[in-house]
Amino acid sequence: KGRFTISRDNAKNTVYLQMNSLKPEDTAVYYCAAEFTPRSTVVRVSRG
Protein backbone atom coordinates (compact mmCIF):
# COMPACT_ATOMS: atom_id res chain seq x y z
CA LYS A 1 0.00 0.00 0.00
CA GLY A 2 1.28 3.41 -0.98
CA ARG A 3 3.93 1.93 -3.26
CA PHE A 4 2.05 -0.14 -5.86
CA THR A 5 -0.87 0.92 -8.03
CA ILE A 6 -3.09 -1.41 -10.05
CA SER A 7 -4.98 -0.01 -13.02
CA ARG A 8 -6.64 -1.22 -16.18
CA ASP A 9 -7.36 -0.09 -19.71
CA ASN A 10 -10.21 -2.22 -20.97
CA ALA A 11 -9.95 -0.74 -24.46
CA LYS A 12 -6.43 -2.19 -24.65
CA ASN A 13 -7.34 -5.42 -22.82
CA THR A 14 -4.48 -4.71 -20.42
CA VAL A 15 -4.02 -4.45 -16.67
CA TYR A 16 -1.00 -2.74 -15.13
CA LEU A 17 0.88 -2.86 -11.86
CA GLN A 18 3.01 0.22 -11.23
CA MET A 19 5.60 -0.61 -8.58
CA ASN A 20 7.49 2.23 -6.94
CA SER A 21 9.96 2.35 -4.05
CA LEU A 22 10.81 -1.28 -4.60
CA LYS A 23 12.37 -3.26 -1.78
CA PRO A 24 14.42 -6.47 -1.85
CA GLU A 25 11.51 -8.28 -0.23
CA ASP A 26 9.44 -7.53 -3.35
CA THR A 27 11.62 -9.98 -5.29
CA ALA A 28 9.37 -12.69 -6.73
CA VAL A 29 7.72 -14.03 -9.83
CA TYR A 30 4.65 -11.89 -10.44
CA TYR A 31 1.51 -13.41 -11.94
CA CYS A 32 -1.69 -11.86 -13.17
CA ALA A 33 -4.99 -13.69 -12.92
CA ALA A 34 -8.52 -13.11 -14.19
CA GLU A 35 -11.99 -14.23 -13.19
CA PHE A 36 -15.23 -13.65 -15.06
CA THR A 37 -17.87 -11.89 -13.00
CA PRO A 38 -21.08 -10.08 -13.88
CA ARG A 39 -20.54 -7.67 -10.98
CA SER A 40 -18.57 -4.58 -11.91
CA THR A 41 -17.43 -3.83 -8.35
CA VAL A 42 -16.16 -7.27 -7.29
CA VAL A 43 -12.52 -7.78 -6.31
CA ARG A 44 -10.95 -11.15 -5.50
CA VAL A 45 -8.01 -11.83 -3.19
CA SER A 46 -7.91 -15.64 -3.10
CA ARG A 47 -5.98 -17.80 -5.58
CA GLY A 48 -8.86 -20.27 -5.74
All heavy atoms as atom14 arrays in JSON, in Angstrom:
{
  "sequence": "KGRFTISRDNAKNTVYLQMNSLKPEDTAVYYCAAEFTPRSTVVRVSRG",
  "atom14_mask": [
    [1, 1, 1, 1, 1, 1, 1, 1, 1, 0, 0, 0, 0, 0],
    [1, 1, 1, 1, 0, 0, 0, 0, 0, 0, 0, 0, 0, 0],
    [1, 1, 1, 1, 1, 1, 1, 1, 1, 1, 1, 0, 0, 0],
    [1, 1, 1, 1, 1, 1, 1, 1, 1, 1, 1, 0, 0, 0],
    [1, 1, 1, 1, 1, 1, 1, 0, 0, 0, 0, 0, 0, 0],
    [1, 1, 1, 1, 1, 1, 1, 1, 0, 0, 0, 0, 0, 0],
    [1, 1, 1, 1, 1, 1, 0, 0, 0, 0, 0, 0, 0, 0],
    [1, 1, 1, 1, 1, 1, 1, 1, 1, 1, 1, 0, 0, 0],
    [1, 1, 1, 1, 1, 1, 1, 1, 0, 0, 0, 0, 0, 0],
    [1, 1, 1, 1, 1, 1, 1, 1, 0, 0, 0, 0, 0, 0],
    [1, 1, 1, 1, 1, 0, 0, 0, 0, 0, 0, 0, 0, 0],
    [1, 1, 1, 1, 1, 1, 1, 1, 1, 0, 0, 0, 0, 0],
    [1, 1, 1, 1, 1, 1, 1, 1, 0, 0, 0, 0, 0, 0],
    [1, 1, 1, 1, 1, 1, 1, 0, 0, 0, 0, 0, 0, 0],
    [1, 1, 1, 1, 1, 1, 1, 0, 0, 0, 0, 0, 0, 0],
    [1, 1, 1, 1, 1, 1, 1, 1, 1, 1, 1, 1, 0, 0],
    [1, 1, 1, 1, 1, 1, 1, 1, 0, 0, 0, 0, 0, 0],
    [1, 1, 1, 1, 1, 1, 1, 1, 1, 0, 0, 0, 0, 0],
    [1, 1, 1, 1, 1, 1, 1, 1, 0, 0, 0, 0, 0, 0],
    [1, 1, 1, 1, 1, 1, 1, 1, 0, 0, 0, 0, 0, 0],
    [1, 1, 1, 1, 1, 1, 0, 0, 0, 0, 0, 0, 0, 0],
    [1, 1, 1, 1, 1, 1, 1, 1, 0, 0, 0, 0, 0, 0],
    [1, 1, 1, 1, 1, 1, 1, 1, 1, 0, 0, 0, 0, 0],
    [1, 1, 1, 1, 1, 1, 1, 0, 0, 0, 0, 0, 0, 0],
    [1, 1, 1, 1, 1, 1, 1, 1, 1, 0, 0, 0, 0, 0],
    [1, 1, 1, 1, 1, 1, 1, 1, 0, 0, 0, 0, 0, 0],
    [1, 1, 1, 1, 1, 1, 1, 0, 0, 0, 0, 0, 0, 0],
    [1, 1, 1, 1, 1, 0, 0, 0, 0, 0, 0, 0, 0, 0],
    [1, 1, 1, 1, 1, 1, 1, 0, 0, 0, 0, 0, 0, 0],
    [1, 1, 1, 1, 1, 1, 1, 1, 1, 1, 1, 1, 0, 0],
    [1, 1, 1, 1, 1, 1, 1, 1, 1, 1, 1, 1, 0, 0],
    [1, 1, 1, 1, 1, 1, 0, 0, 0, 0, 0, 0, 0, 0],
    [1, 1, 1, 1, 1, 0, 0, 0, 0, 0, 0, 0, 0, 0],
    [1, 1, 1, 1, 1, 0, 0, 0, 0, 0, 0, 0, 0, 0],
    [1, 1, 1, 1, 1, 1, 1, 1, 1, 0, 0, 0, 0, 0],
    [1, 1, 1, 1, 1, 1, 1, 1, 1, 1, 1, 0, 0, 0],
    [1, 1, 1, 1, 1, 1, 1, 0, 0, 0, 0, 0, 0, 0],
    [1, 1, 1, 1, 1, 1, 1, 0, 0, 0, 0, 0, 0, 0],
    [1, 1, 1, 1, 1, 1, 1, 1, 1, 1, 1, 0, 0, 0],
    [1, 1, 1, 1, 1, 1, 0, 0, 0, 0, 0, 0, 0, 0],
    [1, 1, 1, 1, 1, 1, 1, 0, 0, 0, 0, 0, 0, 0],
    [1, 1, 1, 1, 1, 1, 1, 0, 0, 0, 0, 0, 0, 0],
    [1, 1, 1, 1, 1, 1, 1, 0, 0, 0, 0, 0, 0, 0],
    [1, 1, 1, 1, 1, 1, 1, 1, 1, 1, 1, 0, 0, 0],
    [1, 1, 1, 1, 1, 1, 1, 0, 0, 0, 0, 0, 0, 0],
    [1, 1, 1, 1, 1, 1, 0, 0, 0, 0, 0, 0, 0, 0],
    [1, 1, 1, 1, 1, 1, 1, 1, 1, 1, 1, 0, 0, 0],
    [1, 1, 1, 1, 0, 0, 0, 0, 0, 0, 0, 0, 0, 0]
  ],
  "atom14_positions": [
    [[0.83, -1.2, 0.0], [0.0, 0.0, 0.0], [0.87, 1.25, 0.0], [1.83, 1.36, 0.75], [-0.92, 0.01, 1.21], [-2.07, -0.98, 1.13], [-2.95, -0.9, 2.37], [-4.11, -1.88, 2.28], [-4.95, -1.85, 3.5], [0.0, 0.0, 0.0], [0.0, 0.0, 0.0], [0.0, 0.0, 0.0], [0.0, 0.0, 0.0], [0.0, 0.0, 0.0]],
    [[0.52, 2.18, -0.86], [1.28, 3.41, -0.98], [2.45, 3.33, -1.92], [3.04, 4.36, -2.27], [0.0, 0.0, 0.0], [0.0, 0.0, 0.0], [0.0, 0.0, 0.0], [0.0, 0.0, 0.0], [0.0, 0.0, 0.0], [0.0, 0.0, 0.0], [0.0, 0.0, 0.0], [0.0, 0.0, 0.0], [0.0, 0.0, 0.0], [0.0, 0.0, 0.0]],
    [[2.81, 2.11, -2.36], [3.93, 1.93, -3.26], [3.5, 1.38, -4.62], [4.08, 1.74, -5.64], [4.97, 0.98, -2.65], [5.56, 1.48, -1.35], [6.73, 0.61, -0.9], [6.33, -0.77, -0.64], [6.82, -1.83, -1.28], [7.73, -1.68, -2.23], [6.41, -3.05, -0.96], [0.0, 0.0, 0.0], [0.0, 0.0, 0.0], [0.0, 0.0, 0.0]],
    [[2.53, 0.49, -4.62], [2.05, -0.14, -5.86], [0.69, 0.42, -6.23], [-0.13, 0.76, -5.37], [1.91, -1.65, -5.68], [3.19, -2.41, -5.52], [4.41, -1.77, -5.34], [3.18, -3.8, -5.56], [5.59, -2.47, -5.18], [4.36, -4.52, -5.42], [5.56, -3.86, -5.22], [0.0, 0.0, 0.0], [0.0, 0.0, 0.0], [0.0, 0.0, 0.0]],
    [[0.42, 0.48, -7.53], [-0.87, 0.92, -8.03], [-1.32, -0.01, -9.15], [-0.6, -0.21, -10.12], [-0.82, 2.36, -8.57], [-0.38, 3.24, -7.54], [-2.21, 2.79, -9.04], [0.0, 0.0, 0.0], [0.0, 0.0, 0.0], [0.0, 0.0, 0.0], [0.0, 0.0, 0.0], [0.0, 0.0, 0.0], [0.0, 0.0, 0.0], [0.0, 0.0, 0.0]],
    [[-2.51, -0.58, -9.01], [-3.09, -1.41, -10.05], [-4.08, -0.56, -10.85], [-4.81, 0.25, -10.3], [-3.78, -2.66, -9.46], [-4.22, -3.61, -10.58], [-4.94, -2.3, -8.55], [-4.7, -4.97, -10.07], [0.0, 0.0, 0.0], [0.0, 0.0, 0.0], [0.0, 0.0, 0.0], [0.0, 0.0, 0.0], [0.0, 0.0, 0.0], [0.0, 0.0, 0.0]],
    [[-4.07, -0.74, -12.15], [-4.98, -0.01, -13.02], [-5.3, -0.87, -14.23], [-4.65, -1.89, -14.46], [-4.38, 1.33, -13.45], [-3.19, 1.14, -14.2], [0.0, 0.0, 0.0], [0.0, 0.0, 0.0], [0.0, 0.0, 0.0], [0.0, 0.0, 0.0], [0.0, 0.0, 0.0], [0.0, 0.0, 0.0], [0.0, 0.0, 0.0], [0.0, 0.0, 0.0]],
    [[-6.29, -0.46, -14.99], [-6.64, -1.22, -16.18], [-7.11, -0.3, -17.29], [-7.66, 0.78, -17.05], [-7.7, -2.28, -15.87], [-9.06, -1.74, -15.45], [-9.95, -2.87, -14.92], [-10.19, -3.9, -15.93], [-10.58, -5.15, -15.67], [-10.77, -5.53, -14.41], [-10.78, -6.01, -16.66], [0.0, 0.0, 0.0], [0.0, 0.0, 0.0], [0.0, 0.0, 0.0]],
    [[-6.89, -0.76, -18.51], [-7.36, -0.09, -19.71], [-8.11, -1.14, -20.5], [-7.51, -1.92, -21.24], [-6.2, 0.5, -20.51], [-6.66, 1.34, -21.68], [-7.82, 1.18, -22.12], [-5.87, 2.17, -22.16], [0.0, 0.0, 0.0], [0.0, 0.0, 0.0], [0.0, 0.0, 0.0], [0.0, 0.0, 0.0], [0.0, 0.0, 0.0], [0.0, 0.0, 0.0]],
    [[-9.42, -1.18, -20.33], [-10.21, -2.22, -20.97], [-10.2, -2.12, -22.49], [-10.33, -3.12, -23.18], [-11.65, -2.18, -20.45], [-11.77, -2.69, -19.02], [-10.93, -3.44, -18.55], [-12.82, -2.26, -18.33], [0.0, 0.0, 0.0], [0.0, 0.0, 0.0], [0.0, 0.0, 0.0], [0.0, 0.0, 0.0], [0.0, 0.0, 0.0], [0.0, 0.0, 0.0]],
    [[-10.03, -0.91, -23.01], [-9.95, -0.74, -24.46], [-8.72, -1.43, -25.03], [-8.73, -1.88, -26.18], [-9.95, 0.74, -24.82], [0.0, 0.0, 0.0], [0.0, 0.0, 0.0], [0.0, 0.0, 0.0], [0.0, 0.0, 0.0], [0.0, 0.0, 0.0], [0.0, 0.0, 0.0], [0.0, 0.0, 0.0], [0.0, 0.0, 0.0], [0.0, 0.0, 0.0]],
    [[-7.66, -1.53, -24.23], [-6.43, -2.19, -24.65], [-6.33, -3.62, -24.13], [-5.33, -4.29, -24.38], [-5.21, -1.39, -24.19], [-5.09, -0.02, -24.82], [-3.85, 0.7, -24.33], [-3.7, 2.05, -24.99], [-2.49, 2.77, -24.5], [0.0, 0.0, 0.0], [0.0, 0.0, 0.0], [0.0, 0.0, 0.0], [0.0, 0.0, 0.0], [0.0, 0.0, 0.0]],
    [[-7.35, -4.07, -23.39], [-7.34, -5.42, -22.82], [-6.09, -5.66, -21.97], [-5.49, -6.73, -22.0], [-7.42, -6.48, -23.91], [-8.76, -7.19, -23.95], [-9.7, -6.82, -23.24], [-8.85, -8.23, -24.77], [0.0, 0.0, 0.0], [0.0, 0.0, 0.0], [0.0, 0.0, 0.0], [0.0, 0.0, 0.0], [0.0, 0.0, 0.0], [0.0, 0.0, 0.0]],
    [[-5.72, -4.66, -21.18], [-4.48, -4.71, -20.42], [-4.69, -4.2, -19.01], [-5.4, -3.21, -18.8], [-3.38, -3.9, -21.12], [-3.18, -4.41, -22.44], [-2.07, -4.0, -20.35], [0.0, 0.0, 0.0], [0.0, 0.0, 0.0], [0.0, 0.0, 0.0], [0.0, 0.0, 0.0], [0.0, 0.0, 0.0], [0.0, 0.0, 0.0], [0.0, 0.0, 0.0]],
    [[-4.06, -4.87, -18.06], [-4.02, -4.45, -16.67], [-2.57, -4.18, -16.3], [-1.67, -4.9, -16.73], [-4.64, -5.5, -15.74], [-4.47, -5.12, -14.28], [-6.13, -5.66, -16.05], [0.0, 0.0, 0.0], [0.0, 0.0, 0.0], [0.0, 0.0, 0.0], [0.0, 0.0, 0.0], [0.0, 0.0, 0.0], [0.0, 0.0, 0.0], [0.0, 0.0, 0.0]],
    [[-2.34, -3.16, -15.49], [-1.0, -2.74, -15.13], [-0.78, -2.82, -13.62], [-1.71, -2.72, -12.83], [-0.75, -1.3, -15.58], [-1.01, -1.06, -17.03], [-2.24, -0.55, -17.46], [-0.05, -1.35, -17.99], [-2.49, -0.33, -18.8], [-0.29, -1.12, -19.33], [-1.51, -0.62, -19.74], [-1.75, -0.41, -21.08], [0.0, 0.0, 0.0], [0.0, 0.0, 0.0]],
    [[0.47, -2.98, -13.25], [0.88, -2.86, -11.86], [2.11, -1.96, -11.82], [3.2, -2.37, -12.21], [1.19, -4.22, -11.24], [1.51, -4.19, -9.74], [0.27, -3.81, -8.93], [2.06, -5.54, -9.27], [0.0, 0.0, 0.0], [0.0, 0.0, 0.0], [0.0, 0.0, 0.0], [0.0, 0.0, 0.0], [0.0, 0.0, 0.0], [0.0, 0.0, 0.0]],
    [[1.9, -0.72, -11.4], [3.01, 0.22, -11.23], [3.61, -0.01, -9.87], [2.92, 0.11, -8.85], [2.51, 1.66, -11.37], [3.59, 2.71, -11.17], [4.63, 2.68, -12.27], [4.29, 2.62, -13.45], [5.9, 2.71, -11.89], [0.0, 0.0, 0.0], [0.0, 0.0, 0.0], [0.0, 0.0, 0.0], [0.0, 0.0, 0.0], [0.0, 0.0, 0.0]],
    [[4.9, -0.3, -9.82], [5.6, -0.61, -8.58], [6.68, 0.43, -8.35], [7.63, 0.53, -9.14], [6.2, -2.01, -8.63], [5.2, -3.11, -8.98], [5.91, -4.78, -8.86], [7.13, -4.68, -10.19], [0.0, 0.0, 0.0], [0.0, 0.0, 0.0], [0.0, 0.0, 0.0], [0.0, 0.0, 0.0], [0.0, 0.0, 0.0], [0.0, 0.0, 0.0]],
    [[6.53, 1.2, -7.3], [7.49, 2.23, -6.94], [8.13, 1.89, -5.6], [7.62, 1.09, -4.83], [6.81, 3.6, -6.85], [6.2, 4.05, -8.15], [6.73, 3.78, -9.23], [5.08, 4.77, -8.08], [0.0, 0.0, 0.0], [0.0, 0.0, 0.0], [0.0, 0.0, 0.0], [0.0, 0.0, 0.0], [0.0, 0.0, 0.0], [0.0, 0.0, 0.0]],
    [[9.25, 2.55, -5.32], [9.96, 2.35, -4.05], [10.17, 0.88, -3.75], [9.9, 0.39, -2.65], [9.2, 3.03, -2.91], [9.04, 4.42, -3.14], [0.0, 0.0, 0.0], [0.0, 0.0, 0.0], [0.0, 0.0, 0.0], [0.0, 0.0, 0.0], [0.0, 0.0, 0.0], [0.0, 0.0, 0.0], [0.0, 0.0, 0.0], [0.0, 0.0, 0.0]],
    [[10.66, 0.17, -4.73], [10.81, -1.28, -4.6], [11.83, -1.65, -3.52], [12.83, -0.96, -3.33], [11.22, -1.89, -5.94], [10.06, -2.01, -6.95], [10.6, -2.2, -8.35], [9.15, -3.16, -6.56], [0.0, 0.0, 0.0], [0.0, 0.0, 0.0], [0.0, 0.0, 0.0], [0.0, 0.0, 0.0], [0.0, 0.0, 0.0], [0.0, 0.0, 0.0]],
    [[11.53, -2.74, -2.85], [12.37, -3.26, -1.78], [12.84, -4.66, -2.14], [12.19, -5.36, -2.91], [11.57, -3.32, -0.47], [10.95, -2.0, -0.04], [10.07, -2.19, 1.19], [9.44, -0.88, 1.62], [8.56, -1.08, 2.81], [0.0, 0.0, 0.0], [0.0, 0.0, 0.0], [0.0, 0.0, 0.0], [0.0, 0.0, 0.0], [0.0, 0.0, 0.0]],
    [[13.96, -5.1, -1.57], [14.42, -6.47, -1.85], [13.37, -7.53, -1.56], [13.31, -8.54, -2.26], [15.64, -6.62, -0.94], [16.17, -5.23, -0.82], [14.95, -4.35, -0.78], [0.0, 0.0, 0.0], [0.0, 0.0, 0.0], [0.0, 0.0, 0.0], [0.0, 0.0, 0.0], [0.0, 0.0, 0.0], [0.0, 0.0, 0.0], [0.0, 0.0, 0.0]],
    [[12.53, -7.31, -0.56], [11.51, -8.28, -0.23], [10.38, -8.35, -1.26], [9.52, -9.22, -1.18], [10.91, -8.0, 1.17], [10.52, -6.56, 1.39], [11.59, -5.76, 2.11], [12.78, -5.86, 1.73], [11.25, -5.03, 3.06], [0.0, 0.0, 0.0], [0.0, 0.0, 0.0], [0.0, 0.0, 0.0], [0.0, 0.0, 0.0], [0.0, 0.0, 0.0]],
    [[10.39, -7.45, -2.24], [9.44, -7.53, -3.35], [9.89, -8.52, -4.42], [9.14, -8.79, -5.37], [9.25, -6.16, -4.0], [8.6, -5.16, -3.07], [7.64, -5.53, -2.35], [9.03, -3.99, -3.07], [0.0, 0.0, 0.0], [0.0, 0.0, 0.0], [0.0, 0.0, 0.0], [0.0, 0.0, 0.0], [0.0, 0.0, 0.0], [0.0, 0.0, 0.0]],
    [[11.09, -9.03, -4.31], [11.62, -9.98, -5.29], [10.74, -11.22, -5.35], [10.49, -11.87, -4.34], [13.06, -10.37, -4.94], [13.9, -9.22, -5.06], [13.57, -11.45, -5.88], [0.0, 0.0, 0.0], [0.0, 0.0, 0.0], [0.0, 0.0, 0.0], [0.0, 0.0, 0.0], [0.0, 0.0, 0.0], [0.0, 0.0, 0.0], [0.0, 0.0, 0.0]],
    [[10.27, -11.55, -6.54], [9.37, -12.69, -6.73], [9.02, -12.8, -8.2], [9.31, -11.91, -9.0], [8.09, -12.51, -5.91], [0.0, 0.0, 0.0], [0.0, 0.0, 0.0], [0.0, 0.0, 0.0], [0.0, 0.0, 0.0], [0.0, 0.0, 0.0], [0.0, 0.0, 0.0], [0.0, 0.0, 0.0], [0.0, 0.0, 0.0], [0.0, 0.0, 0.0]],
    [[8.38, -13.91, -8.55], [7.72, -14.03, -9.83], [6.32, -13.46, -9.66], [5.59, -13.87, -8.76], [7.66, -15.48, -10.33], [6.88, -15.57, -11.64], [9.06, -16.04, -10.51], [0.0, 0.0, 0.0], [0.0, 0.0, 0.0], [0.0, 0.0, 0.0], [0.0, 0.0, 0.0], [0.0, 0.0, 0.0], [0.0, 0.0, 0.0], [0.0, 0.0, 0.0]],
    [[5.95, -12.53, -10.52], [4.65, -11.89, -10.44], [3.72, -12.46, -11.5], [4.08, -12.57, -12.68], [4.79, -10.37, -10.63], [5.31, -9.68, -9.4], [6.63, -9.84, -8.99], [4.47, -8.87, -8.62], [7.11, -9.22, -7.85], [4.94, -8.25, -7.48], [6.26, -8.43, -7.1], [6.73, -7.81, -5.96], [0.0, 0.0, 0.0], [0.0, 0.0, 0.0]],
    [[2.51, -12.81, -11.08], [1.51, -13.41, -11.94], [0.26, -12.55, -11.97], [-0.15, -12.01, -10.94], [1.1, -14.8, -11.44], [2.21, -15.81, -11.34], [3.0, -15.9, -10.2], [2.46, -16.69, -12.39], [4.0, -16.84, -10.09], [3.46, -17.63, -12.29], [4.23, -17.7, -11.14], [5.23, -18.64, -11.05], [0.0, 0.0, 0.0], [0.0, 0.0, 0.0]],
    [[-0.37, -12.44, -13.12], [-1.69, -11.86, -13.17], [-2.71, -12.97, -13.34], [-2.41, -14.05, -13.87], [-1.83, -10.81, -14.28], [-1.74, -11.44, -15.97], [0.0, 0.0, 0.0], [0.0, 0.0, 0.0], [0.0, 0.0, 0.0], [0.0, 0.0, 0.0], [0.0, 0.0, 0.0], [0.0, 0.0, 0.0], [0.0, 0.0, 0.0], [0.0, 0.0, 0.0]],
    [[-3.92, -12.72, -12.87], [-4.99, -13.69, -12.92], [-6.31, -12.98, -13.19], [-6.48, -11.82, -12.83], [-5.07, -14.47, -11.6], [0.0, 0.0, 0.0], [0.0, 0.0, 0.0], [0.0, 0.0, 0.0], [0.0, 0.0, 0.0], [0.0, 0.0, 0.0], [0.0, 0.0, 0.0], [0.0, 0.0, 0.0], [0.0, 0.0, 0.0], [0.0, 0.0, 0.0]],
    [[-7.24, -13.7, -13.83], [-8.52, -13.11, -14.19], [-9.66, -14.06, -13.85], [-9.51, -15.28, -13.93], [-8.55, -12.77, -15.68], [0.0, 0.0, 0.0], [0.0, 0.0, 0.0], [0.0, 0.0, 0.0], [0.0, 0.0, 0.0], [0.0, 0.0, 0.0], [0.0, 0.0, 0.0], [0.0, 0.0, 0.0], [0.0, 0.0, 0.0], [0.0, 0.0, 0.0]],
    [[-10.79, -13.48, -13.5], [-11.99, -14.23, -13.19], [-13.2, -13.51, -13.77], [-13.4, -12.32, -13.51], [-12.17, -14.38, -11.68], [-13.43, -15.13, -11.28], [-14.03, -14.63, -9.98], [-13.64, -13.56, -9.5], [-14.92, -15.33, -9.44], [0.0, 0.0, 0.0], [0.0, 0.0, 0.0], [0.0, 0.0, 0.0], [0.0, 0.0, 0.0], [0.0, 0.0, 0.0]],
    [[-14.01, -14.24, -14.53], [-15.23, -13.65, -15.06], [-16.21, -13.38, -13.93], [-16.4, -14.22, -13.05], [-15.89, -14.57, -16.08], [-17.25, -14.1, -16.52], [-17.38, -13.09, -17.46], [-18.4, -14.65, -15.98], [-18.62, -12.64, -17.86], [-19.65, -14.2, -16.37], [-19.77, -13.19, -17.31], [0.0, 0.0, 0.0], [0.0, 0.0, 0.0], [0.0, 0.0, 0.0]],
    [[-16.82, -12.23, -13.96], [-17.87, -11.89, -13.0], [-18.83, -10.89, -13.61], [-18.41, -9.97, -14.32], [-17.28, -11.33, -11.7], [-18.35, -10.95, -10.83], [-16.42, -10.1, -11.96], [0.0, 0.0, 0.0], [0.0, 0.0, 0.0], [0.0, 0.0, 0.0], [0.0, 0.0, 0.0], [0.0, 0.0, 0.0], [0.0, 0.0, 0.0], [0.0, 0.0, 0.0]],
    [[-20.13, -11.07, -13.36], [-21.08, -10.08, -13.88], [-21.16, -8.82, -13.04], [-21.82, -7.87, -13.44], [-22.41, -10.85, -13.83], [-22.25, -11.78, -12.69], [-20.8, -12.2, -12.71], [0.0, 0.0, 0.0], [0.0, 0.0, 0.0], [0.0, 0.0, 0.0], [0.0, 0.0, 0.0], [0.0, 0.0, 0.0], [0.0, 0.0, 0.0], [0.0, 0.0, 0.0]],
    [[-20.48, -8.8, -11.91], [-20.54, -7.67, -10.98], [-19.35, -6.75, -11.19], [-18.2, -7.16, -11.01], [-20.59, -8.17, -9.54], [-21.79, -9.06, -9.26], [-21.8, -9.55, -7.82], [-22.93, -10.43, -7.57], [-23.18, -11.01, -6.4], [-22.37, -10.8, -5.37], [-24.23, -11.79, -6.27], [0.0, 0.0, 0.0], [0.0, 0.0, 0.0], [0.0, 0.0, 0.0]],
    [[-19.61, -5.52, -11.53], [-18.57, -4.58, -11.91], [-17.71, -4.1, -10.75], [-16.64, -3.53, -10.98], [-19.17, -3.37, -12.62], [-20.04, -2.66, -11.76], [0.0, 0.0, 0.0], [0.0, 0.0, 0.0], [0.0, 0.0, 0.0], [0.0, 0.0, 0.0], [0.0, 0.0, 0.0], [0.0, 0.0, 0.0], [0.0, 0.0, 0.0], [0.0, 0.0, 0.0]],
    [[-18.15, -4.33, -9.51], [-17.43, -3.83, -8.35], [-16.69, -4.91, -7.58], [-16.05, -4.62, -6.57], [-18.39, -3.12, -7.38], [-19.41, -4.03, -6.95], [-19.05, -1.92, -8.07], [0.0, 0.0, 0.0], [0.0, 0.0, 0.0], [0.0, 0.0, 0.0], [0.0, 0.0, 0.0], [0.0, 0.0, 0.0], [0.0, 0.0, 0.0], [0.0, 0.0, 0.0]],
    [[-16.75, -6.15, -8.03], [-16.16, -7.27, -7.29], [-14.64, -7.28, -7.43], [-14.09, -7.1, -8.52], [-16.74, -8.61, -7.78], [-15.91, -9.78, -7.27], [-18.18, -8.75, -7.31], [0.0, 0.0, 0.0], [0.0, 0.0, 0.0], [0.0, 0.0, 0.0], [0.0, 0.0, 0.0], [0.0, 0.0, 0.0], [0.0, 0.0, 0.0], [0.0, 0.0, 0.0]],
    [[-13.95, -7.5, -6.32], [-12.52, -7.78, -6.31], [-12.3, -9.13, -5.63], [-13.05, -9.52, -4.75], [-11.69, -6.69, -5.61], [-11.78, -5.37, -6.36], [-12.16, -6.51, -4.17], [0.0, 0.0, 0.0], [0.0, 0.0, 0.0], [0.0, 0.0, 0.0], [0.0, 0.0, 0.0], [0.0, 0.0, 0.0], [0.0, 0.0, 0.0], [0.0, 0.0, 0.0]],
    [[-11.26, -9.84, -6.05], [-10.95, -11.15, -5.5], [-9.52, -11.16, -4.97], [-8.61, -10.63, -5.61], [-11.11, -12.24, -6.56], [-12.5, -12.31, -7.18], [-13.55, -12.7, -6.17], [-14.84, -12.94, -6.79], [-15.98, -13.14, -6.14], [-15.98, -13.11, -4.81], [-17.1, -13.35, -6.8], [0.0, 0.0, 0.0], [0.0, 0.0, 0.0], [0.0, 0.0, 0.0]],
    [[-9.32, -11.79, -3.83], [-8.01, -11.83, -3.19], [-7.5, -13.25, -2.98], [-6.38, -13.43, -2.5], [-8.0, -11.07, -1.86], [-8.4, -9.62, -2.07], [-8.95, -11.73, -0.85], [0.0, 0.0, 0.0], [0.0, 0.0, 0.0], [0.0, 0.0, 0.0], [0.0, 0.0, 0.0], [0.0, 0.0, 0.0], [0.0, 0.0, 0.0], [0.0, 0.0, 0.0]],
    [[-8.28, -14.25, -3.32], [-7.91, -15.64, -3.1], [-7.51, -16.3, -4.41], [-8.17, -16.13, -5.44], [-9.07, -16.41, -2.47], [-8.78, -17.79, -2.38], [0.0, 0.0, 0.0], [0.0, 0.0, 0.0], [0.0, 0.0, 0.0], [0.0, 0.0, 0.0], [0.0, 0.0, 0.0], [0.0, 0.0, 0.0], [0.0, 0.0, 0.0], [0.0, 0.0, 0.0]],
    [[-6.45, -17.08, -4.39], [-5.98, -17.8, -5.58], [-7.07, -18.69, -6.16], [-7.22, -18.78, -7.38], [-4.76, -18.66, -5.25], [-3.5, -17.89, -4.94], [-2.39, -18.85, -4.57], [-2.71, -19.58, -3.34], [-2.05, -20.63, -2.9], [-1.0, -21.09, -3.58], [-2.41, -21.24, -1.77], [0.0, 0.0, 0.0], [0.0, 0.0, 0.0], [0.0, 0.0, 0.0]],
    [[-7.84, -19.34, -5.29], [-8.86, -20.27, -5.74], [-10.02, -19.63, -6.45], [-10.82, -20.34, -7.06], [0.0, 0.0, 0.0], [0.0, 0.0, 0.0], [0.0, 0.0, 0.0], [0.0, 0.0, 0.0], [0.0, 0.0, 0.0], [0.0, 0.0, 0.0], [0.0, 0.0, 0.0], [0.0, 0.0, 0.0], [0.0, 0.0, 0.0], [0.0, 0.0, 0.0]]
  ]
}
